Amino acid sequence: MIPDTLSEQSVALAAEVFLSLPMPVAAFLGKEEGALWNEAWRRSQGEDEAGQRDIAACLKALGIQAAQRDRLLQDLAAGCPLESGPEHIVTLPDGRCRVWQFGSALLPGGGLCVATIDVTERRREEEETERMAYLDALTGLPNRRLFDDRLSQAIERLRRGHAGFAVHFLDLDHFKQVNDSLGHAAGDRLLQQVARRLATSMRRSDTVARFGGDEFGVIQTDISDSCAAASLAGKLIQRLARPFRIGDHSVRTGASIGVATAFHVRDIDSARLMQAADIALYRVKQEGRGSYAFATDEETGQTGNADRK
């Protein structure tokens, strides 16, 4: 709250603080009195001093579009705390785009003090934190959380009449031997190389994720029959059977895959599909590894899940 009257000493001190603030600050005192601004505000406006005397012109000079500018003017005119004020993308004189948070305080006599803080880096950090919440830290692949979200989307697309999809549950063969013989660092490098091979084997519409350990999942979308799923499973097994180079070592591993397909909406359930793919994967491991197997209709809960022709 700004008092109606201040002593000369207080005014001088306030002016000194005002001018030395590192953040852009300006006081708009009305058409007759003009405006005051600090150096940070002047730099944000470039050489257009005429614009600095009017808040609307200042916001326009910052590249804020008309509709957003009008709403921001309304917010500022009502007075809004800086820590919770509106955020807008601004364009500075050097061409850089930044995210500014605006705050305002009403001045005696109808004036308006406007302050801003640059929150660009804070927003980038928040966006990166949010992004990493959906990615596997070691491989950069989607994690189980994002995989489950994509699986829900695939089910919803099927309900809307789109083509079917397949879930591939993949487990590396003999990965423990690599960890035990070469160490966990080598095991991590192997997982990173496996992730790259899987990612380059997918279409852009498909999803490959790491669940943890040596387990990966794939959602193969827009397929009309199980032949497409069998083709992809076979290709992945073939590619992962090729040797990997880990330092001075040539490492061979392999993969086993359990596949669950969905072509009909009836009784479809994401948890049951994943469980069915896991059961199929277990059968492959029991039979010798290095291959793939399909879950049965009973296991997926998709009785009558005949391939679309």
Protein backbone atom coordinates (compact mmCIF):
# COMPACT_ATOMS: atom_id res chain seq x y z
CA MET A 1 0.00 0.00 0.00
CA ILE A 2 1.51 3.34 -1.05
CA PRO A 3 0.73 6.21 1.38
CA ASP A 4 -0.80 9.45 0.12
CA THR A 5 1.98 11.61 1.55
CA LEU A 6 5.73 11.06 1.91
CA SER A 7 8.48 13.20 3.35
CA GLU A 8 11.10 14.61 0.98
CA GLN A 9 13.66 12.22 2.42
CA SER A 10 11.35 9.26 1.88
CA VAL A 11 10.66 10.36 -1.68
CA ALA A 12 14.38 10.68 -2.40
CA LEU A 13 15.05 7.24 -0.93
CA ALA A 14 12.17 5.69 -2.85
CA ALA A 15 13.43 7.26 -6.07
CA GLU A 16 16.91 5.87 -5.47
CA VAL A 17 15.55 2.39 -4.85
CA PHE A 18 13.26 2.70 -7.86
CA LEU A 19 16.08 3.65 -10.22
CA SER A 20 18.49 0.98 -8.95
CA LEU A 21 16.15 -2.00 -9.16
CA PRO A 22 17.53 -4.71 -11.49
CA MET A 23 14.05 -5.54 -12.79
CA PRO A 24 12.21 -3.30 -15.28
CA VAL A 25 9.97 -0.88 -13.38
CA ALA A 26 8.00 2.14 -14.61
CA ALA A 27 5.58 4.58 -13.02
CA PHE A 28 2.90 6.01 -15.30
CA LEU A 29 1.63 9.22 -13.74
CA GLY A 30 -0.95 10.30 -16.30
CA LYS A 31 -0.94 12.30 -19.52
CA GLU A 32 0.11 15.53 -17.86
CA GLU A 33 2.83 14.20 -15.56
CA GLY A 34 4.26 11.62 -18.00
CA ALA A 35 6.17 8.59 -16.77
CA LEU A 36 9.24 7.54 -14.81
CA TRP A 37 11.26 4.43 -15.48
CA ASN A 38 14.49 2.82 -14.41
CA GLU A 39 17.37 1.77 -16.64
CA ALA A 40 16.18 -1.84 -16.92
CA TRP A 41 12.81 -0.64 -18.26
CA ARG A 42 14.48 1.72 -20.73
CA ARG A 43 16.63 -1.10 -22.12
CA SER A 44 13.55 -3.26 -22.59
CA GLN A 45 12.01 -0.54 -24.76
CA GLY A 46 15.03 0.27 -26.91
CA GLU A 47 15.22 3.81 -28.17
CA ASP A 48 11.48 4.41 -28.42
CA GLU A 49 11.13 6.93 -25.58
CA ALA A 50 7.70 8.02 -26.78
CA GLY A 51 6.43 4.52 -26.11
CA GLN A 52 7.86 4.61 -22.61
CA ARG A 53 5.46 7.38 -21.59
CA ASP A 54 2.34 5.28 -22.17
CA ILE A 55 1.77 1.81 -20.75
CA ALA A 56 -0.25 0.60 -23.76
CA ALA A 57 2.50 1.73 -26.15
CA CYS A 58 5.11 0.04 -23.96
CA LEU A 59 3.30 -3.27 -24.05
CA LYS A 60 2.92 -2.99 -27.81
CA ALA A 61 6.64 -2.30 -28.13
CA LEU A 62 7.26 -5.53 -26.21
CA GLY A 63 5.46 -7.47 -28.94
CA ILE A 64 2.43 -8.46 -26.86
CA GLN A 65 -0.50 -9.11 -29.20
CA ALA A 66 -3.57 -6.84 -29.10
CA ALA A 67 -6.00 -9.24 -27.40
CA GLN A 68 -3.47 -10.25 -24.75
CA ARG A 69 -2.39 -6.65 -24.37
CA ASP A 70 -5.95 -5.49 -23.62
CA ARG A 71 -6.41 -8.18 -20.99
CA LEU A 72 -3.04 -7.37 -19.42
CA LEU A 73 -3.95 -3.67 -19.27
CA GLN A 74 -7.14 -4.59 -17.41
CA ASP A 75 -5.20 -6.73 -14.93
CA LEU A 76 -2.61 -4.02 -14.34
CA ALA A 77 -5.22 -1.30 -13.94
CA ALA A 78 -6.89 -3.34 -11.19
CA GLY A 79 -3.60 -3.83 -9.38
CA CYS A 80 -1.98 -7.27 -9.19
CA PRO A 81 0.84 -8.56 -6.95
CA LEU A 82 4.04 -9.28 -8.85
CA GLU A 83 4.48 -12.75 -7.34
CA SER A 84 1.12 -13.90 -8.71
CA GLY A 85 0.71 -11.58 -11.70
CA PRO A 86 0.01 -12.62 -15.29
CA GLU A 87 2.79 -13.97 -17.51
CA HIS A 88 3.37 -13.00 -21.14
CA ILE A 89 5.98 -13.64 -23.80
CA VAL A 90 7.76 -10.40 -24.71
CA THR A 91 10.20 -9.57 -27.50
CA LEU A 92 13.15 -7.42 -26.45
CA PRO A 93 14.96 -4.94 -28.73
CA ASP A 94 17.75 -7.46 -29.43
CA GLY A 95 15.18 -9.96 -30.74
CA ARG A 96 15.21 -12.31 -27.76
CA CYS A 97 11.89 -13.71 -26.59
CA ARG A 98 11.45 -13.95 -22.84
CA VAL A 99 8.66 -14.78 -20.39
CA TRP A 100 7.85 -11.85 -18.12
CA GLN A 101 5.61 -11.83 -15.09
CA PHE A 102 3.85 -8.50 -14.56
CA GLY A 103 2.70 -6.82 -11.37
CA SER A 104 1.26 -3.41 -10.61
CA ALA A 105 0.36 -1.05 -7.81
CA LEU A 106 -2.03 1.88 -7.94
CA LEU A 107 -0.43 5.25 -7.20
CA PRO A 108 -2.08 8.24 -5.49
CA GLY A 109 -3.76 10.49 -8.02
CA GLY A 110 -4.59 7.71 -10.44
CA GLY A 111 -1.07 6.71 -11.47
CA LEU A 112 0.13 3.19 -12.01
CA CYS A 113 3.46 1.53 -11.11
CA VAL A 114 4.31 -1.51 -13.21
CA ALA A 115 7.10 -3.98 -12.40
CA THR A 116 8.21 -7.15 -14.16
CA ILE A 117 10.42 -10.11 -13.46
CA ASP A 118 11.96 -12.44 -16.05
CA VAL A 119 10.71 -15.96 -15.30
CA THR A 120 12.01 -17.57 -18.50
CA GLU A 121 14.58 -19.83 -16.84
CA ARG A 122 12.18 -20.81 -14.07
CA ARG A 123 9.57 -21.85 -16.61
CA ARG A 124 12.16 -23.80 -18.62
CA GLU A 125 13.23 -25.65 -15.50
CA GLU A 126 9.62 -26.43 -14.64
CA GLU A 127 8.93 -27.65 -18.17
CA GLU A 128 12.06 -29.81 -18.09
CA THR A 129 11.05 -31.26 -14.72
CA GLU A 130 7.60 -32.03 -16.11
CA ARG A 131 9.11 -33.54 -19.25
CA MET A 132 11.50 -35.74 -17.26
CA ALA A 133 8.58 -37.03 -15.21
CA TYR A 134 7.53 -38.90 -18.36
CA LEU A 135 10.98 -40.03 -19.55
CA ASP A 136 13.41 -42.71 -18.44
CA ALA A 137 16.49 -40.96 -17.05
CA LEU A 138 18.97 -43.52 -18.39
CA THR A 139 17.76 -43.98 -21.96
CA GLY A 140 15.61 -40.92 -22.65
CA LEU A 141 12.78 -43.17 -23.76
CA PRO A 142 9.22 -42.71 -22.48
CA ASN A 143 8.79 -44.30 -19.06
CA ARG A 144 5.97 -46.51 -17.82
CA ARG A 145 3.86 -43.48 -16.90
CA LEU A 146 3.94 -42.10 -20.45
CA PHE A 147 3.55 -45.61 -21.90
CA ASP A 148 0.34 -46.13 -19.92
CA ASP A 149 -0.96 -42.77 -21.15
CA ARG A 150 -0.22 -43.69 -24.78
CA LEU A 151 -1.88 -47.07 -24.25
CA SER A 152 -5.02 -45.34 -23.00
CA GLN A 153 -4.94 -43.16 -26.13
CA ALA A 154 -4.64 -46.25 -28.35
CA ILE A 155 -7.66 -47.81 -26.63
CA GLU A 156 -9.64 -44.60 -27.07
CA ARG A 157 -8.72 -44.48 -30.77
CA LEU A 158 -9.94 -48.05 -31.15
CA ARG A 159 -13.23 -47.10 -29.50
CA ARG A 160 -13.61 -44.32 -32.07
CA GLY A 161 -13.32 -46.78 -34.92
CA HIS A 162 -9.62 -46.58 -35.72
CA ALA A 163 -7.44 -49.58 -36.55
CA GLY A 164 -6.20 -52.03 -33.94
CA PHE A 165 -2.92 -52.07 -32.08
CA ALA A 166 -0.46 -54.42 -30.42
CA VAL A 167 1.41 -54.29 -27.13
CA HIS A 168 4.89 -55.85 -27.13
CA PHE A 169 6.40 -56.66 -23.73
CA LEU A 170 10.15 -57.12 -24.28
CA ASP A 171 12.78 -58.51 -21.95
CA LEU A 172 16.50 -58.75 -22.72
CA ASP A 173 18.05 -62.20 -22.60
CA HIS A 174 21.17 -62.76 -20.49
CA PHE A 175 21.35 -59.16 -19.33
CA LYS A 176 22.32 -60.22 -15.81
CA GLN A 177 25.40 -61.93 -17.21
CA VAL A 178 26.56 -58.63 -18.74
CA ASN A 179 26.06 -56.83 -15.42
CA ASP A 180 27.86 -59.55 -13.48
CA SER A 181 30.82 -59.91 -15.84
CA LEU A 182 31.38 -56.30 -17.02
CA GLY A 183 29.77 -54.26 -14.26
CA HIS A 184 26.72 -52.07 -13.94
CA ALA A 185 28.23 -49.21 -15.94
CA ALA A 186 28.58 -51.53 -18.92
CA GLY A 187 25.05 -52.75 -18.34
CA ASP A 188 23.79 -49.17 -18.46
CA ARG A 189 25.61 -48.54 -21.74
CA LEU A 190 24.07 -51.70 -23.15
CA LEU A 191 20.61 -50.52 -22.17
CA GLN A 192 21.23 -47.17 -23.86
CA GLN A 193 22.30 -48.89 -27.09
CA VAL A 194 19.30 -51.22 -26.93
CA ALA A 195 17.05 -48.20 -26.54
CA ARG A 196 18.54 -46.56 -29.65
CA ARG A 197 18.06 -49.70 -31.73
CA LEU A 198 14.47 -50.03 -30.61
CA ALA A 199 13.71 -46.37 -31.24
CA THR A 200 15.12 -46.50 -34.77
CA SER A 201 13.00 -49.55 -35.50
CA MET A 202 9.72 -47.79 -34.78
CA ARG A 203 7.40 -45.66 -36.85
CA ARG A 204 6.74 -42.17 -35.55
CA SER A 205 3.23 -43.23 -34.56
CA ASP A 206 4.51 -46.08 -32.37
CA THR A 207 5.79 -45.86 -28.81
CA VAL A 208 8.79 -47.60 -27.28
CA ALA A 209 9.33 -47.24 -23.54
CA ARG A 210 11.61 -48.55 -20.84
CA PHE A 211 9.81 -49.90 -17.81
CA GLY A 212 12.91 -50.39 -15.68
CA GLY A 213 15.74 -52.91 -15.48
CA ASP A 214 15.95 -54.69 -18.82
CA GLU A 215 12.22 -54.49 -19.57
CA PHE A 216 10.84 -52.47 -22.48
CA GLY A 217 7.40 -51.98 -23.95
CA VAL A 218 6.18 -51.13 -27.43
CA ILE A 219 2.78 -49.91 -28.60
CA GLN A 220 2.37 -50.64 -32.30
CA THR A 221 -0.56 -48.63 -33.60
CA ASP A 222 -2.77 -48.73 -36.70
CA ILE A 223 -2.55 -52.42 -37.59
CA SER A 224 -5.32 -54.50 -39.10
CA ASP A 225 -4.09 -58.01 -38.30
CA SER A 226 -1.65 -59.93 -36.14
CA CYS A 227 0.74 -60.43 -39.07
CA ALA A 228 1.95 -56.84 -38.65
CA ALA A 229 2.63 -57.46 -34.97
CA ALA A 230 4.48 -60.70 -35.74
CA SER A 231 6.56 -58.89 -38.35
CA LEU A 232 7.63 -56.18 -35.91
CA ALA A 233 8.37 -58.65 -33.10
CA GLY A 234 10.54 -60.69 -35.46
CA LYS A 235 12.39 -57.59 -36.65
CA LEU A 236 13.12 -56.45 -33.10
CA ILE A 237 14.44 -59.86 -32.09
CA GLN A 238 16.66 -59.95 -35.15
CA ARG A 239 18.09 -56.47 -34.54
CA LEU A 240 18.75 -57.05 -30.86
CA ALA A 241 20.52 -60.33 -31.62
CA ARG A 242 23.31 -58.40 -33.35
CA PRO A 243 26.38 -57.72 -31.18
CA PHE A 244 26.77 -54.49 -29.21
CA ARG A 245 30.08 -52.73 -28.70
CA ILE A 246 30.67 -51.87 -25.03
CA GLY A 247 34.16 -50.40 -24.68
CA ASP A 248 36.59 -53.07 -25.81
CA HIS A 249 33.98 -55.80 -25.57
CA SER A 250 31.64 -57.22 -28.17
CA VAL A 251 28.49 -58.12 -26.27
CA ARG A 252 25.73 -60.35 -27.51
CA THR A 253 22.36 -60.36 -25.86
CA GLY A 254 18.96 -61.05 -27.28
CA ALA A 255 15.31 -60.45 -26.56
CA SER A 256 12.13 -62.31 -25.79
CA ILE A 257 8.79 -60.70 -26.53
CA GLY A 258 5.21 -61.28 -25.45
CA VAL A 259 2.57 -59.74 -27.72
CA ALA A 260 -1.05 -58.86 -26.99
CA THR A 261 -3.25 -57.50 -29.79
CA ALA A 262 -6.51 -55.56 -29.71
CA PHE A 263 -8.86 -55.20 -32.66
CA HIS A 264 -12.25 -54.92 -30.97
CA VAL A 265 -13.59 -52.51 -28.36
CA ARG A 266 -15.54 -55.03 -26.33
CA ASP A 267 -14.16 -55.59 -22.81
CA ILE A 268 -10.82 -54.02 -23.67
CA ASP A 269 -8.71 -53.23 -20.61
CA SER A 270 -5.17 -51.83 -20.53
CA ALA A 271 -4.13 -53.65 -17.37
CA ARG A 272 -5.35 -56.97 -18.73
CA LEU A 273 -3.58 -56.41 -22.05
CA MET A 274 -0.29 -55.79 -20.24
CA GLN A 275 -0.82 -58.84 -18.06
CA ALA A 276 -1.57 -60.93 -21.14
CA ALA A 277 1.61 -59.73 -22.89
CA ASP A 278 3.57 -60.56 -19.72
CA ILE A 279 2.10 -64.08 -19.65
CA ALA A 280 3.05 -64.59 -23.30
CA LEU A 281 6.58 -63.35 -22.52
CA TYR A 282 6.84 -65.86 -19.69
CA ARG A 283 5.94 -68.67 -22.10
CA VAL A 284 8.76 -67.61 -24.44
CA LYS A 285 11.26 -67.69 -21.59
CA GLN A 286 10.05 -71.14 -20.54
CA GLU A 287 10.52 -72.41 -24.08
CA GLY A 288 14.08 -71.16 -24.52
CA ARG A 289 14.06 -67.36 -25.11
CA GLY A 290 15.02 -65.42 -28.24
CA SER A 291 11.55 -65.56 -29.77
CA TYR A 292 8.06 -64.13 -29.40
CA ALA A 293 4.62 -65.44 -28.53
CA PHE A 294 1.10 -64.07 -28.75
CA ALA A 295 -1.31 -63.90 -25.84
CA THR A 296 -4.50 -65.85 -26.37
CA ASP A 297 -7.91 -64.21 -26.74
CA GLU A 298 -8.86 -65.55 -23.32
CA GLU A 299 -5.76 -63.93 -21.76
CA THR A 300 -6.47 -60.53 -23.33
CA GLY A 301 -10.16 -60.72 -22.52
CA GLN A 302 -10.88 -60.18 -26.23
CA THR A 303 -12.85 -63.32 -26.98
CA GLY A 304 -13.58 -63.32 -30.67
CA ASN A 305 -10.62 -61.04 -31.31
CA ALA A 306 -10.31 -62.18 -34.89
CA ASP A 307 -7.94 -60.29 -37.12
CA ARG A 308 -9.48 -57.58 -39.28
CA LYS A 309 -9.21 -58.40 -42.94
